N, C-alpha and C. Protein backbone atom coordinates (compact mmCIF):
# COMPACT_ATOMS: atom_id res chain seq x y z
N MET A 1 18.47 30.84 15.01
CA MET A 1 17.94 29.47 15.61
C MET A 1 17.32 28.83 14.42
N LYS A 2 16.30 29.55 13.80
CA LYS A 2 15.57 28.97 12.62
C LYS A 2 16.52 28.34 11.57
N LYS A 3 17.41 29.17 11.23
CA LYS A 3 18.57 28.63 10.26
C LYS A 3 19.05 27.41 10.71
N LEU A 4 19.52 27.31 11.94
CA LEU A 4 20.35 26.10 12.55
C LEU A 4 19.37 24.91 12.42
N ILE A 5 17.91 25.09 12.76
CA ILE A 5 17.09 24.01 12.70
C ILE A 5 17.07 23.51 11.21
N TYR A 6 16.95 24.57 10.25
CA TYR A 6 16.82 24.04 8.84
C TYR A 6 18.11 23.46 8.49
N GLN A 7 19.22 23.84 8.91
CA GLN A 7 20.57 23.19 8.43
C GLN A 7 20.52 21.80 9.08
N LEU A 8 19.95 21.74 10.22
CA LEU A 8 20.06 20.30 10.98
C LEU A 8 19.20 19.48 10.17
N GLU A 9 17.94 19.73 9.84
CA GLU A 9 16.99 19.10 9.16
C GLU A 9 17.69 18.55 7.87
N GLU A 10 18.21 19.57 7.14
CA GLU A 10 18.82 19.19 5.75
C GLU A 10 20.00 18.28 5.85
N THR A 11 20.74 18.42 6.85
CA THR A 11 21.85 17.47 7.30
C THR A 11 21.35 16.03 7.41
N ILE A 12 20.49 16.11 8.20
CA ILE A 12 19.77 14.77 8.72
C ILE A 12 19.36 14.00 7.48
N ILE A 13 18.47 14.66 6.70
CA ILE A 13 17.99 14.22 5.35
C ILE A 13 19.31 13.74 4.46
N GLY A 14 20.32 14.64 4.34
CA GLY A 14 21.45 14.10 3.66
C GLY A 14 22.14 12.93 4.09
N LEU A 15 22.49 12.75 5.40
CA LEU A 15 22.97 11.67 5.95
C LEU A 15 22.12 10.47 5.66
N LEU A 16 20.87 10.58 5.96
CA LEU A 16 20.12 9.11 5.74
C LEU A 16 20.26 9.06 4.23
N LEU A 17 20.19 9.99 3.08
CA LEU A 17 20.22 9.59 1.90
C LEU A 17 21.52 8.83 1.62
N VAL A 18 22.76 9.35 2.03
CA VAL A 18 24.16 8.93 1.76
C VAL A 18 24.08 7.38 2.35
N SER A 19 23.63 7.34 3.66
CA SER A 19 23.56 5.97 4.42
C SER A 19 22.90 5.00 3.66
N THR A 20 21.73 5.33 3.06
CA THR A 20 20.82 4.32 2.40
C THR A 20 21.73 3.98 1.09
N THR A 21 22.03 4.94 0.48
CA THR A 21 22.88 4.75 -0.84
C THR A 21 23.95 3.70 -0.77
N LEU A 22 24.89 4.10 0.28
CA LEU A 22 26.12 3.39 0.49
C LEU A 22 25.81 1.95 1.08
N LEU A 23 24.55 1.93 1.67
CA LEU A 23 24.39 0.42 2.40
C LEU A 23 23.84 -0.44 1.19
N VAL A 24 23.03 0.26 0.36
CA VAL A 24 22.50 -0.59 -0.77
C VAL A 24 23.73 -0.98 -1.81
N PHE A 25 24.53 -0.10 -1.94
CA PHE A 25 25.74 -0.40 -3.07
C PHE A 25 26.72 -1.24 -2.34
N ILE A 26 26.83 -1.39 -0.91
CA ILE A 26 27.69 -2.36 -0.35
C ILE A 26 26.95 -3.63 -0.62
N GLU A 27 25.62 -3.65 -0.47
CA GLU A 27 24.78 -5.05 -0.40
C GLU A 27 24.93 -5.52 -1.88
N VAL A 28 24.78 -4.71 -2.72
CA VAL A 28 24.90 -5.11 -4.28
C VAL A 28 26.16 -5.70 -4.42
N VAL A 29 26.99 -5.01 -4.06
CA VAL A 29 28.65 -5.50 -4.36
C VAL A 29 28.89 -7.04 -3.50
N LEU A 30 28.50 -7.02 -2.27
CA LEU A 30 28.77 -8.38 -1.45
C LEU A 30 27.91 -9.46 -2.39
N ARG A 31 26.52 -8.98 -2.72
CA ARG A 31 25.78 -10.13 -3.21
C ARG A 31 26.26 -10.61 -4.78
N PHE A 32 26.64 -9.50 -5.63
CA PHE A 32 26.86 -10.05 -6.91
C PHE A 32 28.35 -10.51 -7.11
N PHE A 33 29.31 -9.90 -6.44
CA PHE A 33 30.71 -10.25 -6.48
C PHE A 33 31.29 -11.39 -5.64
N PHE A 34 30.72 -11.46 -4.36
CA PHE A 34 31.07 -12.12 -3.17
C PHE A 34 30.22 -13.23 -2.79
N ASP A 35 29.06 -13.39 -3.48
CA ASP A 35 27.92 -14.29 -3.12
C ASP A 35 27.76 -14.25 -1.67
N THR A 36 27.74 -13.22 -1.04
CA THR A 36 27.27 -13.15 0.30
C THR A 36 26.47 -11.70 0.52
N GLY A 37 26.10 -11.70 1.88
CA GLY A 37 25.33 -10.18 1.92
C GLY A 37 25.31 -9.96 3.49
N LEU A 38 24.69 -8.95 3.86
CA LEU A 38 24.56 -8.50 5.06
C LEU A 38 22.92 -8.76 5.59
N LEU A 39 22.87 -9.65 6.50
CA LEU A 39 21.57 -10.16 6.91
C LEU A 39 20.73 -8.81 7.36
N TRP A 40 21.29 -8.04 7.89
CA TRP A 40 20.33 -6.75 8.40
C TRP A 40 20.20 -5.50 7.41
N ALA A 41 20.89 -5.66 6.35
CA ALA A 41 20.78 -4.79 5.41
C ALA A 41 19.45 -4.26 4.92
N GLN A 42 18.61 -5.29 4.61
CA GLN A 42 17.33 -4.91 4.02
C GLN A 42 16.36 -4.15 4.99
N GLU A 43 16.54 -4.55 6.36
CA GLU A 43 15.74 -4.06 7.41
C GLU A 43 16.08 -2.69 7.73
N LEU A 44 17.51 -2.46 7.77
CA LEU A 44 18.14 -1.11 8.09
C LEU A 44 17.94 -0.12 6.93
N THR A 45 17.85 -0.66 5.64
CA THR A 45 17.58 0.16 4.38
C THR A 45 16.14 0.78 4.42
N LEU A 46 15.26 -0.32 4.89
CA LEU A 46 13.85 0.10 4.90
C LEU A 46 13.51 1.16 5.92
N ASN A 47 14.20 1.11 7.11
CA ASN A 47 14.06 2.08 8.17
C ASN A 47 14.71 3.26 7.96
N LEU A 48 15.88 3.43 7.32
CA LEU A 48 16.39 4.63 6.79
C LEU A 48 15.57 5.22 5.74
N CYS A 49 15.05 4.56 4.89
CA CYS A 49 14.04 5.22 3.86
C CYS A 49 12.96 5.84 4.57
N ALA A 50 12.36 5.11 5.58
CA ALA A 50 11.08 5.64 6.38
C ALA A 50 11.34 6.92 7.11
N TRP A 51 12.75 7.08 7.64
CA TRP A 51 13.20 8.22 8.42
C TRP A 51 13.27 9.21 7.32
N MET A 52 13.81 9.05 6.08
CA MET A 52 14.04 9.86 5.12
C MET A 52 12.88 10.41 4.58
N VAL A 53 11.81 9.60 4.21
CA VAL A 53 10.53 10.19 3.72
C VAL A 53 9.84 11.01 4.78
N LEU A 54 9.80 10.79 5.99
CA LEU A 54 9.15 11.59 7.13
C LEU A 54 9.95 12.75 7.26
N PHE A 55 11.20 13.05 7.23
CA PHE A 55 11.81 14.23 7.34
C PHE A 55 11.67 14.88 6.06
N GLY A 56 11.72 14.18 4.99
CA GLY A 56 11.58 14.83 3.74
C GLY A 56 10.27 15.37 3.36
N ALA A 57 9.03 14.84 3.85
CA ALA A 57 7.83 15.45 3.57
C ALA A 57 7.79 16.70 4.55
N SER A 58 8.42 16.75 5.60
CA SER A 58 8.26 18.02 6.39
C SER A 58 9.11 19.25 5.57
N TRP A 59 10.23 18.82 5.16
CA TRP A 59 11.23 19.64 4.37
C TRP A 59 10.35 20.12 3.11
N GLY A 60 9.83 19.09 2.34
CA GLY A 60 9.06 19.49 1.15
C GLY A 60 7.92 20.63 1.34
N VAL A 61 7.30 20.54 2.53
CA VAL A 61 6.28 21.58 2.75
C VAL A 61 7.08 22.87 3.10
N ARG A 62 8.15 22.86 3.79
CA ARG A 62 8.76 24.05 4.03
C ARG A 62 9.37 24.82 2.70
N VAL A 63 10.02 24.04 1.82
CA VAL A 63 10.52 24.77 0.87
C VAL A 63 9.58 24.71 -0.57
N GLY A 64 8.25 24.16 -0.58
CA GLY A 64 7.42 24.28 -1.62
C GLY A 64 7.79 23.23 -2.51
N ALA A 65 8.49 21.93 -2.19
CA ALA A 65 8.71 21.02 -3.13
C ALA A 65 7.86 20.13 -3.69
N HIS A 66 6.69 20.00 -2.94
CA HIS A 66 5.55 18.97 -3.22
C HIS A 66 4.95 19.51 -4.49
N ILE A 67 4.57 18.57 -5.17
CA ILE A 67 3.60 18.90 -6.45
C ILE A 67 2.31 18.88 -6.14
N GLY A 68 1.72 19.64 -6.69
CA GLY A 68 0.13 19.86 -6.35
C GLY A 68 -0.39 20.13 -7.86
N VAL A 69 -1.84 19.79 -7.75
CA VAL A 69 -2.65 20.20 -8.96
C VAL A 69 -3.51 21.12 -8.40
N ASP A 70 -3.29 22.52 -8.94
CA ASP A 70 -4.00 23.55 -8.33
C ASP A 70 -4.46 24.43 -9.60
N ALA A 71 -4.78 23.88 -10.71
CA ALA A 71 -5.29 24.56 -11.86
C ALA A 71 -6.61 24.97 -11.51
N PHE A 72 -7.47 24.33 -10.75
CA PHE A 72 -8.66 24.83 -10.67
C PHE A 72 -8.77 25.99 -9.50
N ILE A 73 -7.87 25.67 -8.47
CA ILE A 73 -7.86 26.85 -7.54
C ILE A 73 -7.18 28.15 -8.07
N LYS A 74 -6.38 28.12 -9.15
CA LYS A 74 -5.94 29.50 -9.43
C LYS A 74 -6.80 29.99 -10.38
N VAL A 75 -7.81 29.62 -10.90
CA VAL A 75 -8.88 30.27 -11.69
C VAL A 75 -9.96 31.03 -10.73
N LEU A 76 -9.97 30.52 -9.60
CA LEU A 76 -11.11 31.31 -8.56
C LEU A 76 -10.41 32.59 -8.03
N PRO A 77 -11.34 33.53 -7.47
CA PRO A 77 -10.91 34.76 -6.98
C PRO A 77 -10.16 34.41 -5.85
N SER A 78 -9.26 35.45 -5.52
CA SER A 78 -8.18 35.25 -4.43
C SER A 78 -8.88 35.12 -2.97
N HIS A 79 -10.12 35.51 -2.75
CA HIS A 79 -10.57 35.11 -1.47
C HIS A 79 -10.99 33.72 -1.38
N TRP A 80 -11.46 33.19 -2.42
CA TRP A 80 -11.84 31.70 -2.45
C TRP A 80 -10.36 30.74 -2.55
N GLN A 81 -9.55 31.24 -3.21
CA GLN A 81 -8.23 30.67 -3.11
C GLN A 81 -7.61 30.49 -1.74
N ARG A 82 -8.02 31.40 -1.10
CA ARG A 82 -7.52 31.57 0.39
C ARG A 82 -8.23 30.49 1.46
N ARG A 83 -9.60 30.67 1.12
CA ARG A 83 -10.35 29.82 2.06
C ARG A 83 -10.20 28.31 1.67
N LEU A 84 -10.09 28.07 0.43
CA LEU A 84 -9.92 26.64 0.03
C LEU A 84 -8.50 26.08 0.42
N THR A 85 -7.44 27.03 0.60
CA THR A 85 -6.20 26.84 0.84
C THR A 85 -6.13 26.40 2.49
N LEU A 86 -7.03 27.36 3.30
CA LEU A 86 -7.09 27.07 4.68
C LEU A 86 -7.94 25.82 4.98
N LEU A 87 -8.91 25.55 4.21
CA LEU A 87 -9.66 24.19 4.27
C LEU A 87 -8.67 23.19 3.99
N ALA A 88 -7.73 23.17 3.16
CA ALA A 88 -6.83 22.31 2.83
C ALA A 88 -5.81 22.00 3.88
N VAL A 89 -5.34 23.02 4.33
CA VAL A 89 -4.30 22.98 5.42
C VAL A 89 -5.03 22.45 6.54
N GLY A 90 -6.30 22.74 7.14
CA GLY A 90 -7.09 22.20 8.07
C GLY A 90 -7.20 20.68 8.13
N LEU A 91 -7.31 20.16 6.74
CA LEU A 91 -7.53 18.75 6.44
C LEU A 91 -6.20 18.17 6.75
N CYS A 92 -4.96 18.70 6.27
CA CYS A 92 -3.76 18.28 6.55
C CYS A 92 -3.32 18.07 8.01
N LEU A 93 -3.84 19.24 8.52
CA LEU A 93 -3.43 19.21 10.12
C LEU A 93 -4.24 17.99 10.91
N LEU A 94 -5.55 17.77 10.32
CA LEU A 94 -6.41 16.78 10.91
C LEU A 94 -5.82 15.36 10.71
N TYR A 95 -5.30 15.26 9.47
CA TYR A 95 -4.52 14.09 8.93
C TYR A 95 -3.38 13.84 9.78
N CYS A 96 -2.43 14.88 9.99
CA CYS A 96 -1.39 14.68 10.77
C CYS A 96 -1.79 14.39 12.25
N GLY A 97 -2.89 14.95 12.73
CA GLY A 97 -3.18 14.68 14.00
C GLY A 97 -3.59 13.11 14.35
N PHE A 98 -4.54 12.69 13.48
CA PHE A 98 -5.00 11.25 13.56
C PHE A 98 -3.72 10.27 13.36
N TYR A 99 -3.00 10.50 12.37
CA TYR A 99 -1.91 9.68 12.12
C TYR A 99 -0.96 9.70 13.48
N PHE A 100 -0.68 10.96 13.75
CA PHE A 100 0.24 11.14 15.05
C PHE A 100 -0.31 10.28 16.22
N TYR A 101 -1.59 10.36 16.45
CA TYR A 101 -2.30 9.65 17.53
C TYR A 101 -2.05 8.11 17.42
N GLY A 102 -2.41 7.71 16.08
CA GLY A 102 -2.41 6.07 15.72
C GLY A 102 -1.00 5.72 16.06
N ALA A 103 0.03 6.49 15.64
CA ALA A 103 1.55 6.28 15.80
C ALA A 103 1.85 6.19 17.08
N TRP A 104 1.25 7.00 17.93
CA TRP A 104 1.68 7.06 19.36
C TRP A 104 1.14 5.80 20.19
N VAL A 105 -0.09 5.41 19.82
CA VAL A 105 -0.73 4.40 20.27
C VAL A 105 0.05 3.08 19.96
N TYR A 106 0.48 3.10 18.65
CA TYR A 106 1.29 1.88 18.23
C TYR A 106 2.55 1.72 18.87
N LEU A 107 3.37 2.88 18.96
CA LEU A 107 4.64 2.80 19.78
C LEU A 107 4.55 2.57 21.24
N THR A 108 3.49 3.11 21.60
CA THR A 108 3.30 2.81 23.13
C THR A 108 3.13 1.15 23.36
N LYS A 109 2.32 0.75 22.71
CA LYS A 109 2.20 -0.82 22.60
C LYS A 109 3.42 -1.68 22.47
N LEU A 110 4.21 -0.93 21.27
CA LEU A 110 5.40 -1.71 20.95
C LEU A 110 6.43 -1.75 22.07
N LYS A 111 6.42 -0.64 22.77
CA LYS A 111 7.40 -0.19 23.81
C LYS A 111 6.83 -1.15 25.05
N MET A 112 5.79 -1.34 25.26
CA MET A 112 5.21 -2.21 26.44
C MET A 112 5.54 -3.53 26.06
N ILE A 113 5.24 -4.05 24.84
CA ILE A 113 5.73 -5.36 24.61
C ILE A 113 7.28 -5.64 24.43
N GLY A 114 7.96 -4.80 24.09
CA GLY A 114 9.44 -4.75 23.91
C GLY A 114 9.96 -5.72 22.79
N ILE A 115 9.27 -5.69 21.83
CA ILE A 115 9.72 -6.45 20.54
C ILE A 115 10.75 -5.75 19.88
N GLU A 116 11.96 -6.66 19.55
CA GLU A 116 13.18 -6.03 18.83
C GLU A 116 12.77 -6.32 17.35
N MET A 117 13.68 -5.55 16.61
CA MET A 117 13.79 -5.74 15.11
C MET A 117 14.08 -7.12 14.65
N GLU A 118 13.76 -7.62 13.43
CA GLU A 118 14.04 -8.98 13.31
C GLU A 118 15.51 -9.22 13.15
N ASP A 119 16.28 -8.54 12.44
CA ASP A 119 17.59 -8.61 12.21
C ASP A 119 18.58 -7.67 12.70
N LEU A 120 18.13 -6.73 13.59
CA LEU A 120 18.89 -5.78 14.27
C LEU A 120 18.63 -5.94 15.82
N PRO A 121 19.71 -5.62 16.68
CA PRO A 121 19.47 -5.60 18.22
C PRO A 121 18.94 -4.18 18.62
N ILE A 122 17.64 -3.91 18.19
CA ILE A 122 17.20 -2.47 18.32
C ILE A 122 15.67 -2.86 18.64
N LEU A 123 15.25 -2.07 19.67
CA LEU A 123 13.85 -2.27 19.91
C LEU A 123 13.09 -1.61 18.83
N ARG A 124 11.89 -2.30 18.38
CA ARG A 124 11.08 -1.82 17.22
C ARG A 124 10.55 -0.35 17.52
N TRP A 125 10.18 -0.14 18.59
CA TRP A 125 9.69 1.33 18.78
C TRP A 125 10.48 2.26 18.75
N GLN A 126 11.92 1.90 19.02
CA GLN A 126 13.02 2.96 18.91
C GLN A 126 13.37 3.41 17.45
N ALA A 127 13.14 2.14 16.63
CA ALA A 127 13.30 2.43 15.20
C ALA A 127 12.33 3.39 14.57
N MET A 128 11.00 2.88 14.96
CA MET A 128 9.93 3.61 14.42
C MET A 128 9.45 4.83 15.14
N SER A 129 10.36 5.42 15.86
CA SER A 129 10.11 6.33 16.67
C SER A 129 10.10 7.93 15.61
N ILE A 130 10.30 7.35 14.41
CA ILE A 130 10.19 8.73 13.21
C ILE A 130 8.85 8.99 13.16
N LEU A 131 7.91 7.95 13.35
CA LEU A 131 6.46 8.14 13.01
C LEU A 131 5.82 9.54 13.95
N PRO A 132 5.96 9.65 15.12
CA PRO A 132 5.48 10.65 15.77
C PRO A 132 6.41 11.89 15.45
N ILE A 133 7.56 11.70 15.39
CA ILE A 133 8.69 12.94 15.21
C ILE A 133 8.33 13.36 13.73
N GLY A 134 8.25 12.56 12.97
CA GLY A 134 7.99 13.32 11.60
C GLY A 134 6.67 13.97 11.38
N LEU A 135 5.52 13.32 12.01
CA LEU A 135 4.33 13.87 11.78
C LEU A 135 4.16 15.17 12.74
N ALA A 136 4.87 15.12 13.91
CA ALA A 136 4.92 16.42 14.55
C ALA A 136 5.43 17.48 13.62
N LEU A 137 6.67 17.31 13.04
CA LEU A 137 7.36 18.22 12.17
C LEU A 137 6.28 18.57 11.07
N LEU A 138 5.66 17.68 10.30
CA LEU A 138 4.77 17.82 9.32
C LEU A 138 3.61 18.80 9.77
N PHE A 139 3.08 18.44 10.90
CA PHE A 139 1.98 19.21 11.54
C PHE A 139 2.46 20.65 11.84
N PHE A 140 3.64 21.02 12.42
CA PHE A 140 3.96 22.30 12.41
C PHE A 140 4.35 22.89 11.13
N ARG A 141 4.70 22.40 10.09
CA ARG A 141 4.83 22.94 8.78
C ARG A 141 3.62 23.31 8.27
N PHE A 142 2.63 22.48 8.29
CA PHE A 142 1.26 22.76 7.64
C PHE A 142 0.80 23.98 8.53
N PHE A 143 0.96 23.98 9.91
CA PHE A 143 0.40 25.04 10.79
C PHE A 143 1.17 26.39 10.41
N GLY A 144 2.45 26.35 10.23
CA GLY A 144 3.04 27.53 9.52
C GLY A 144 2.37 28.06 8.34
N VAL A 145 2.22 27.15 7.38
CA VAL A 145 1.63 27.45 5.91
C VAL A 145 0.32 28.23 6.25
N GLY A 146 -0.75 27.49 7.17
CA GLY A 146 -1.78 28.06 7.41
C GLY A 146 -1.81 29.28 8.07
N VAL A 147 -0.85 29.64 8.87
CA VAL A 147 -0.79 31.11 9.65
C VAL A 147 -0.18 32.11 8.55
N MET A 148 0.54 31.68 7.78
CA MET A 148 0.93 32.54 6.60
C MET A 148 -0.22 32.79 5.61
N VAL A 149 -0.90 31.97 5.21
CA VAL A 149 -2.03 32.19 4.49
C VAL A 149 -3.07 33.15 5.02
N TRP A 150 -3.36 32.86 6.27
CA TRP A 150 -4.32 33.53 7.20
C TRP A 150 -3.88 34.92 7.26
N ARG A 151 -2.49 35.26 7.46
CA ARG A 151 -2.14 36.64 7.56
C ARG A 151 -2.01 37.23 6.05
N GLY A 152 -2.02 36.36 5.15
CA GLY A 152 -2.04 37.12 3.76
C GLY A 152 -0.67 37.15 3.17
N GLN A 153 0.41 36.43 3.93
CA GLN A 153 1.67 36.57 3.66
C GLN A 153 2.00 35.48 2.47
N MET A 154 1.04 34.59 2.22
CA MET A 154 1.27 33.57 1.24
C MET A 154 -0.07 33.34 0.56
N GLN A 155 -0.23 33.03 -0.73
CA GLN A 155 -1.44 32.85 -1.47
C GLN A 155 -1.81 31.49 -1.27
N GLY A 156 -0.89 30.33 -1.41
CA GLY A 156 -1.37 28.91 -1.32
C GLY A 156 -0.37 28.25 -0.79
N PHE A 157 -0.21 27.06 -1.14
CA PHE A 157 0.76 26.00 -0.31
C PHE A 157 2.22 26.33 -1.08
N ALA A 158 2.36 27.07 -2.14
CA ALA A 158 3.70 27.46 -2.63
C ALA A 158 4.21 26.07 -3.21
N LEU A 159 3.24 25.31 -4.06
CA LEU A 159 3.49 24.12 -4.62
C LEU A 159 4.49 24.22 -5.68
N ALA A 160 5.17 23.28 -6.16
CA ALA A 160 6.14 23.16 -7.29
C ALA A 160 5.17 23.30 -8.40
N ASP A 161 5.65 24.19 -9.39
CA ASP A 161 4.84 24.15 -10.78
C ASP A 161 5.78 23.72 -11.83
N GLU A 162 5.65 22.32 -12.01
CA GLU A 162 6.30 21.67 -13.02
C GLU A 162 6.15 22.17 -14.55
N ALA A 163 5.01 22.46 -14.75
CA ALA A 163 4.60 23.00 -15.91
C ALA A 163 5.33 24.12 -16.52
N ARG A 164 5.32 25.13 -15.39
CA ARG A 164 5.83 26.54 -15.74
C ARG A 164 7.37 26.32 -15.86
N GLU A 165 7.95 25.50 -14.89
CA GLU A 165 9.48 25.40 -14.85
C GLU A 165 10.06 24.65 -15.82
N SER A 166 9.38 23.77 -16.74
CA SER A 166 9.87 23.13 -17.85
C SER A 166 9.43 23.89 -19.11
N MET A 167 8.79 25.15 -19.01
CA MET A 167 8.69 25.81 -20.34
C MET A 167 9.87 26.38 -20.70
N HIS A 168 10.81 26.41 -20.01
CA HIS A 168 12.16 26.85 -20.62
C HIS A 168 12.78 25.93 -21.65
N LEU A 169 12.39 24.62 -21.59
CA LEU A 169 12.87 23.65 -22.39
C LEU A 169 12.47 23.80 -23.88
N ILE A 170 11.09 24.45 -24.04
CA ILE A 170 10.66 24.64 -25.29
C ILE A 170 11.40 25.87 -25.96
N ASP A 171 11.61 26.75 -25.23
CA ASP A 171 12.41 28.11 -25.50
C ASP A 171 13.59 27.75 -26.18
N ASN A 172 14.45 26.54 -25.49
CA ASN A 172 15.83 26.50 -25.80
C ASN A 172 15.91 25.43 -26.88
N ASP A 173 14.85 24.76 -27.52
CA ASP A 173 14.86 23.73 -28.33
C ASP A 173 14.66 24.38 -29.80
N PRO A 174 15.79 24.41 -30.55
CA PRO A 174 15.67 24.98 -31.97
C PRO A 174 14.84 24.34 -32.91
N ASN A 175 14.52 23.09 -32.77
CA ASN A 175 13.90 22.09 -33.71
C ASN A 175 12.36 22.12 -33.36
N GLN A 176 12.00 22.69 -32.23
CA GLN A 176 10.73 22.95 -31.60
C GLN A 176 9.85 23.62 -32.48
N LYS A 177 8.70 23.06 -33.18
CA LYS A 177 7.74 23.64 -34.05
C LYS A 177 6.46 24.13 -33.09
N VAL A 178 6.17 25.29 -33.23
CA VAL A 178 4.69 25.71 -32.23
C VAL A 178 3.79 26.06 -33.37
């Protein structure tokens, strides 16, 4: 079940990325070669990007793709690393909770008012429903990180370490002088 959810999440992100890219490409071709365009393309592109960013943020926490500055944390003893990571996770959960609440209030008011998108025949609250969905996903990802750190199964956020990952470039460069 977990693998199916992961595949579904990655498929949705991939479809959003492909859709956004194709839409922008078609819009550029129409504007530059045919001196016309799609009235609704910009609004749809912005909404597709918003969906992609919020799904992508959750995916990034799951796979450890976010970049972090943890040089200070790594020099501390492991029990302090764990405590500060749990504090950071708690703050992330608090942020997601506040943002989720604000998004929920906003969408409730939009639904009550019934405003449509400017260029698309879609209700605005439906297009922006990714706000609570994405924040709920992000909340559960951070909660999972917190549980793993609490249990000692994970040391920190498992952030991407670009400095370490790029060190192979120096090793492969014959002209590099150290």
